Amino acid sequence: MFFKKNYESIDASELNALLAKKINLIDVREVYEFRSGHIKSSKNIPMVGIMNNASHFLNKNETYYIICLSGARSSQVCHRLAASDFKVINVKGGTGYFGMIYKEHIA
């Protein structure tokens, strides 16, 4: 079964360029993963929480960049949220790839 991709994706270099602006960057990893290293400007909302209660955390009038460790969970979250009319953009490669290249942004 194939799903239509209903959201955009960006890579690490595109995210790096965007970090100079104020963006809504949501890290959907578990709390313990987030604490072990995250992009400084990101907000942690674990995958289960955001998928079960997105309207509690997000505003449909805002755009959100969704990231995880590798891009797998963030892609799942983007698929679900986009289907509910949230404006989301997946970050391919996740914090694992981003952190290897842009260490200065990791806390």
N, C-alpha and C. Protein backbone atom coordinates (compact mmCIF):
# COMPACT_ATOMS: atom_id res chain seq x y z
N MET A 1 0.84 -1.18 0.00
CA MET A 1 0.00 0.00 0.00
C MET A 1 0.89 1.24 0.00
N PHE A 2 0.60 2.19 -0.88
CA PHE A 2 1.38 3.40 -0.98
C PHE A 2 0.53 4.59 -0.54
N PHE A 3 1.21 5.53 0.12
CA PHE A 3 0.53 6.73 0.57
C PHE A 3 1.03 7.92 -0.23
N LYS A 4 0.14 8.81 -0.57
CA LYS A 4 0.53 10.03 -1.24
C LYS A 4 1.23 10.93 -0.22
N LYS A 5 2.38 11.44 -0.59
CA LYS A 5 3.11 12.35 0.28
C LYS A 5 2.42 13.71 0.23
N ASN A 6 1.94 14.16 1.34
CA ASN A 6 1.17 15.40 1.39
C ASN A 6 1.86 16.49 2.20
N TYR A 7 3.20 16.47 2.18
CA TYR A 7 3.99 17.46 2.88
C TYR A 7 5.34 17.59 2.18
N GLU A 8 6.05 18.66 2.46
CA GLU A 8 7.37 18.88 1.89
C GLU A 8 8.44 18.33 2.82
N SER A 9 9.65 18.17 2.29
CA SER A 9 10.81 17.79 3.08
C SER A 9 11.96 18.72 2.74
N ILE A 10 12.82 18.97 3.72
CA ILE A 10 14.04 19.74 3.51
C ILE A 10 15.21 18.93 4.04
N ASP A 11 16.41 19.30 3.65
CA ASP A 11 17.60 18.60 4.14
C ASP A 11 18.33 19.46 5.18
N ALA A 12 19.44 18.95 5.66
CA ALA A 12 20.20 19.61 6.73
C ALA A 12 20.66 21.01 6.34
N SER A 13 21.14 21.17 5.12
CA SER A 13 21.64 22.50 4.72
C SER A 13 20.50 23.51 4.65
N GLU A 14 19.34 23.07 4.20
CA GLU A 14 18.19 23.98 4.15
C GLU A 14 17.74 24.36 5.56
N LEU A 15 17.74 23.40 6.48
CA LEU A 15 17.39 23.71 7.87
C LEU A 15 18.40 24.67 8.46
N ASN A 16 19.68 24.45 8.21
CA ASN A 16 20.71 25.33 8.74
C ASN A 16 20.47 26.77 8.31
N ALA A 17 20.12 26.97 7.06
CA ALA A 17 19.84 28.32 6.55
C ALA A 17 18.62 28.93 7.23
N LEU A 18 17.64 28.12 7.55
CA LEU A 18 16.42 28.61 8.19
C LEU A 18 16.61 28.96 9.66
N LEU A 19 17.61 28.38 10.31
CA LEU A 19 17.79 28.61 11.74
C LEU A 19 18.16 30.04 12.09
N ALA A 20 18.57 30.83 11.11
CA ALA A 20 18.84 32.25 11.34
C ALA A 20 17.53 33.01 11.59
N LYS A 21 16.42 32.43 11.14
CA LYS A 21 15.10 33.01 11.34
C LYS A 21 14.45 32.32 12.55
N LYS A 22 13.35 32.87 12.99
CA LYS A 22 12.58 32.19 14.04
C LYS A 22 11.60 31.24 13.35
N ILE A 23 11.86 29.94 13.52
CA ILE A 23 10.97 28.93 12.94
C ILE A 23 10.44 28.04 14.06
N ASN A 24 9.38 27.36 13.80
CA ASN A 24 8.81 26.39 14.74
C ASN A 24 9.42 25.03 14.44
N LEU A 25 10.45 24.66 15.20
CA LEU A 25 11.15 23.40 15.00
C LEU A 25 10.75 22.45 16.12
N ILE A 26 10.08 21.36 15.76
CA ILE A 26 9.57 20.40 16.73
C ILE A 26 10.36 19.10 16.62
N ASP A 27 10.96 18.69 17.73
CA ASP A 27 11.71 17.43 17.81
C ASP A 27 10.77 16.39 18.42
N VAL A 28 10.45 15.34 17.65
CA VAL A 28 9.46 14.36 18.09
C VAL A 28 10.07 13.13 18.76
N ARG A 29 11.35 13.20 19.11
CA ARG A 29 11.98 12.08 19.82
C ARG A 29 11.49 12.04 21.26
N GLU A 30 11.77 10.93 21.92
CA GLU A 30 11.43 10.79 23.33
C GLU A 30 12.25 11.78 24.16
N VAL A 31 11.78 12.11 25.36
CA VAL A 31 12.44 13.10 26.21
C VAL A 31 13.89 12.72 26.47
N TYR A 32 14.19 11.46 26.78
CA TYR A 32 15.56 11.06 27.06
C TYR A 32 16.46 11.24 25.84
N GLU A 33 15.93 11.04 24.64
CA GLU A 33 16.71 11.25 23.42
C GLU A 33 17.00 12.74 23.22
N PHE A 34 15.99 13.56 23.44
CA PHE A 34 16.12 15.00 23.30
C PHE A 34 17.18 15.52 24.26
N ARG A 35 17.15 15.04 25.49
CA ARG A 35 18.11 15.49 26.50
C ARG A 35 19.54 15.10 26.17
N SER A 36 19.72 14.06 25.37
CA SER A 36 21.07 13.61 25.03
C SER A 36 21.69 14.46 23.92
N GLY A 37 20.95 15.37 23.34
CA GLY A 37 21.45 16.27 22.32
C GLY A 37 20.36 16.67 21.36
N HIS A 38 20.19 17.97 21.17
CA HIS A 38 19.13 18.48 20.31
C HIS A 38 19.54 19.82 19.70
N ILE A 39 18.83 20.23 18.68
CA ILE A 39 19.06 21.54 18.08
C ILE A 39 18.57 22.58 19.09
N LYS A 40 19.42 23.55 19.36
CA LYS A 40 19.15 24.51 20.44
C LYS A 40 17.78 25.19 20.37
N SER A 41 17.33 25.52 19.19
CA SER A 41 16.06 26.24 19.07
C SER A 41 14.84 25.32 18.96
N SER A 42 15.05 24.02 19.08
CA SER A 42 13.91 23.09 18.93
C SER A 42 13.12 22.93 20.22
N LYS A 43 11.89 22.53 20.03
CA LYS A 43 10.99 22.23 21.15
C LYS A 43 10.69 20.74 21.10
N ASN A 44 10.73 20.07 22.24
CA ASN A 44 10.47 18.64 22.29
C ASN A 44 9.00 18.35 22.55
N ILE A 45 8.37 17.67 21.60
CA ILE A 45 7.02 17.12 21.77
C ILE A 45 7.11 15.70 21.24
N PRO A 46 7.21 14.70 22.12
CA PRO A 46 7.36 13.32 21.65
C PRO A 46 6.25 12.90 20.68
N MET A 47 6.62 11.99 19.80
CA MET A 47 5.75 11.54 18.72
C MET A 47 4.36 11.14 19.19
N VAL A 48 4.27 10.35 20.24
CA VAL A 48 2.96 9.89 20.72
C VAL A 48 2.09 11.07 21.12
N GLY A 49 2.66 12.02 21.83
CA GLY A 49 1.89 13.18 22.28
C GLY A 49 1.38 14.03 21.15
N ILE A 50 2.24 14.31 20.21
CA ILE A 50 1.84 15.19 19.10
C ILE A 50 0.85 14.50 18.17
N MET A 51 0.99 13.19 17.98
CA MET A 51 0.06 12.48 17.09
C MET A 51 -1.30 12.27 17.75
N ASN A 52 -1.33 12.15 19.05
CA ASN A 52 -2.60 11.92 19.74
C ASN A 52 -3.35 13.20 20.08
N ASN A 53 -2.63 14.34 20.13
CA ASN A 53 -3.28 15.57 20.56
C ASN A 53 -2.64 16.79 19.88
N ALA A 54 -2.51 16.75 18.59
CA ALA A 54 -1.82 17.81 17.84
C ALA A 54 -2.42 19.18 18.09
N SER A 55 -3.73 19.28 18.13
CA SER A 55 -4.36 20.58 18.29
C SER A 55 -4.06 21.22 19.65
N HIS A 56 -3.64 20.43 20.61
CA HIS A 56 -3.23 20.97 21.91
C HIS A 56 -1.88 21.69 21.80
N PHE A 57 -1.02 21.21 20.91
CA PHE A 57 0.34 21.73 20.79
C PHE A 57 0.55 22.68 19.62
N LEU A 58 -0.22 22.50 18.55
CA LEU A 58 0.04 23.21 17.31
C LEU A 58 -1.14 24.06 16.86
N ASN A 59 -0.83 25.07 16.07
CA ASN A 59 -1.82 25.98 15.51
C ASN A 59 -1.83 25.75 14.00
N LYS A 60 -2.97 25.54 13.42
CA LYS A 60 -3.06 25.27 11.98
C LYS A 60 -2.67 26.46 11.11
N ASN A 61 -2.52 27.63 11.71
CA ASN A 61 -2.10 28.81 10.95
C ASN A 61 -0.58 28.98 10.91
N GLU A 62 0.15 28.14 11.62
CA GLU A 62 1.61 28.21 11.68
C GLU A 62 2.21 27.07 10.85
N THR A 63 3.46 27.23 10.46
CA THR A 63 4.21 26.17 9.78
C THR A 63 5.20 25.58 10.77
N TYR A 64 5.29 24.25 10.78
CA TYR A 64 6.16 23.53 11.71
C TYR A 64 7.15 22.65 10.95
N TYR A 65 8.40 22.70 11.38
CA TYR A 65 9.45 21.84 10.86
C TYR A 65 9.59 20.70 11.85
N ILE A 66 9.45 19.47 11.37
CA ILE A 66 9.42 18.30 12.24
C ILE A 66 10.70 17.50 12.05
N ILE A 67 11.36 17.18 13.18
CA ILE A 67 12.63 16.46 13.14
C ILE A 67 12.64 15.34 14.18
N CYS A 68 13.41 14.30 13.89
CA CYS A 68 13.65 13.21 14.84
C CYS A 68 15.12 12.84 14.72
N LEU A 69 15.49 11.63 15.03
CA LEU A 69 16.90 11.23 14.91
C LEU A 69 17.31 10.98 13.47
N SER A 70 16.48 10.27 12.71
CA SER A 70 16.88 9.87 11.35
C SER A 70 15.95 10.38 10.25
N GLY A 71 14.77 10.82 10.59
CA GLY A 71 13.79 11.25 9.61
C GLY A 71 12.62 10.29 9.48
N ALA A 72 12.71 9.10 10.08
CA ALA A 72 11.62 8.11 9.97
C ALA A 72 10.40 8.53 10.77
N ARG A 73 10.59 8.83 12.04
CA ARG A 73 9.45 9.23 12.88
C ARG A 73 8.88 10.57 12.43
N SER A 74 9.76 11.50 12.08
CA SER A 74 9.27 12.81 11.64
C SER A 74 8.44 12.69 10.37
N SER A 75 8.81 11.78 9.49
CA SER A 75 8.03 11.54 8.29
C SER A 75 6.64 11.00 8.63
N GLN A 76 6.57 10.08 9.57
CA GLN A 76 5.27 9.54 10.00
C GLN A 76 4.41 10.64 10.61
N VAL A 77 5.02 11.46 11.45
CA VAL A 77 4.29 12.56 12.08
C VAL A 77 3.79 13.54 11.02
N CYS A 78 4.65 13.89 10.08
CA CYS A 78 4.25 14.82 9.02
C CYS A 78 3.08 14.27 8.21
N HIS A 79 3.14 13.00 7.89
CA HIS A 79 2.05 12.39 7.13
C HIS A 79 0.73 12.53 7.88
N ARG A 80 0.74 12.20 9.15
CA ARG A 80 -0.49 12.26 9.96
C ARG A 80 -0.97 13.70 10.14
N LEU A 81 -0.05 14.61 10.46
CA LEU A 81 -0.46 15.99 10.71
C LEU A 81 -0.92 16.69 9.43
N ALA A 82 -0.25 16.44 8.33
CA ALA A 82 -0.66 17.05 7.06
C ALA A 82 -2.05 16.57 6.66
N ALA A 83 -2.36 15.32 6.95
CA ALA A 83 -3.70 14.79 6.65
C ALA A 83 -4.77 15.48 7.49
N SER A 84 -4.35 16.09 8.61
CA SER A 84 -5.28 16.84 9.46
C SER A 84 -5.16 18.34 9.23
N ASP A 85 -4.58 18.71 8.10
CA ASP A 85 -4.49 20.11 7.66
C ASP A 85 -3.52 20.97 8.45
N PHE A 86 -2.52 20.38 9.09
CA PHE A 86 -1.45 21.15 9.70
C PHE A 86 -0.38 21.39 8.64
N LYS A 87 0.28 22.54 8.72
CA LYS A 87 1.35 22.88 7.78
C LYS A 87 2.67 22.37 8.37
N VAL A 88 3.17 21.28 7.81
CA VAL A 88 4.37 20.65 8.35
C VAL A 88 5.39 20.39 7.24
N ILE A 89 6.66 20.44 7.64
CA ILE A 89 7.77 20.17 6.73
C ILE A 89 8.70 19.21 7.45
N ASN A 90 9.00 18.10 6.81
CA ASN A 90 9.88 17.08 7.37
C ASN A 90 11.34 17.47 7.17
N VAL A 91 12.18 17.19 8.18
CA VAL A 91 13.62 17.40 8.06
C VAL A 91 14.27 16.04 7.81
N LYS A 92 14.70 15.82 6.56
CA LYS A 92 15.31 14.55 6.17
C LYS A 92 16.65 14.37 6.89
N GLY A 93 16.94 13.15 7.30
CA GLY A 93 18.22 12.85 7.94
C GLY A 93 18.23 13.09 9.43
N GLY A 94 17.32 13.90 9.91
CA GLY A 94 17.16 14.12 11.34
C GLY A 94 18.33 14.76 12.05
N THR A 95 18.27 14.72 13.37
CA THR A 95 19.32 15.32 14.19
C THR A 95 20.63 14.55 14.08
N GLY A 96 20.54 13.26 13.77
CA GLY A 96 21.75 12.47 13.62
C GLY A 96 22.64 13.02 12.52
N TYR A 97 22.06 13.25 11.37
CA TYR A 97 22.82 13.79 10.24
C TYR A 97 23.13 15.26 10.45
N PHE A 98 22.14 16.04 10.86
CA PHE A 98 22.32 17.47 11.07
C PHE A 98 23.44 17.74 12.06
N GLY A 99 23.45 17.00 13.17
CA GLY A 99 24.44 17.20 14.22
C GLY A 99 25.87 16.88 13.80
N MET A 100 26.03 15.98 12.85
CA MET A 100 27.37 15.66 12.36
C MET A 100 27.96 16.83 11.57
N ILE A 101 27.11 17.59 10.90
CA ILE A 101 27.56 18.67 10.04
C ILE A 101 27.57 20.02 10.75
N TYR A 102 26.54 20.27 11.53
CA TYR A 102 26.36 21.59 12.15
C TYR A 102 26.39 21.47 13.68
N LYS A 103 27.50 21.04 14.21
CA LYS A 103 27.64 20.81 15.66
C LYS A 103 27.36 22.05 16.50
N GLU A 104 27.60 23.24 15.94
CA GLU A 104 27.42 24.47 16.69
C GLU A 104 25.97 24.72 17.09
N HIS A 105 25.03 24.05 16.45
CA HIS A 105 23.62 24.23 16.76
C HIS A 105 23.08 23.19 17.77
N ILE A 106 23.94 22.28 18.21
CA ILE A 106 23.50 21.20 19.08
C ILE A 106 23.77 21.54 20.54
N ALA A 107 22.76 21.34 21.37
CA ALA A 107 22.89 21.58 22.82
C ALA A 107 23.00 20.25 23.53
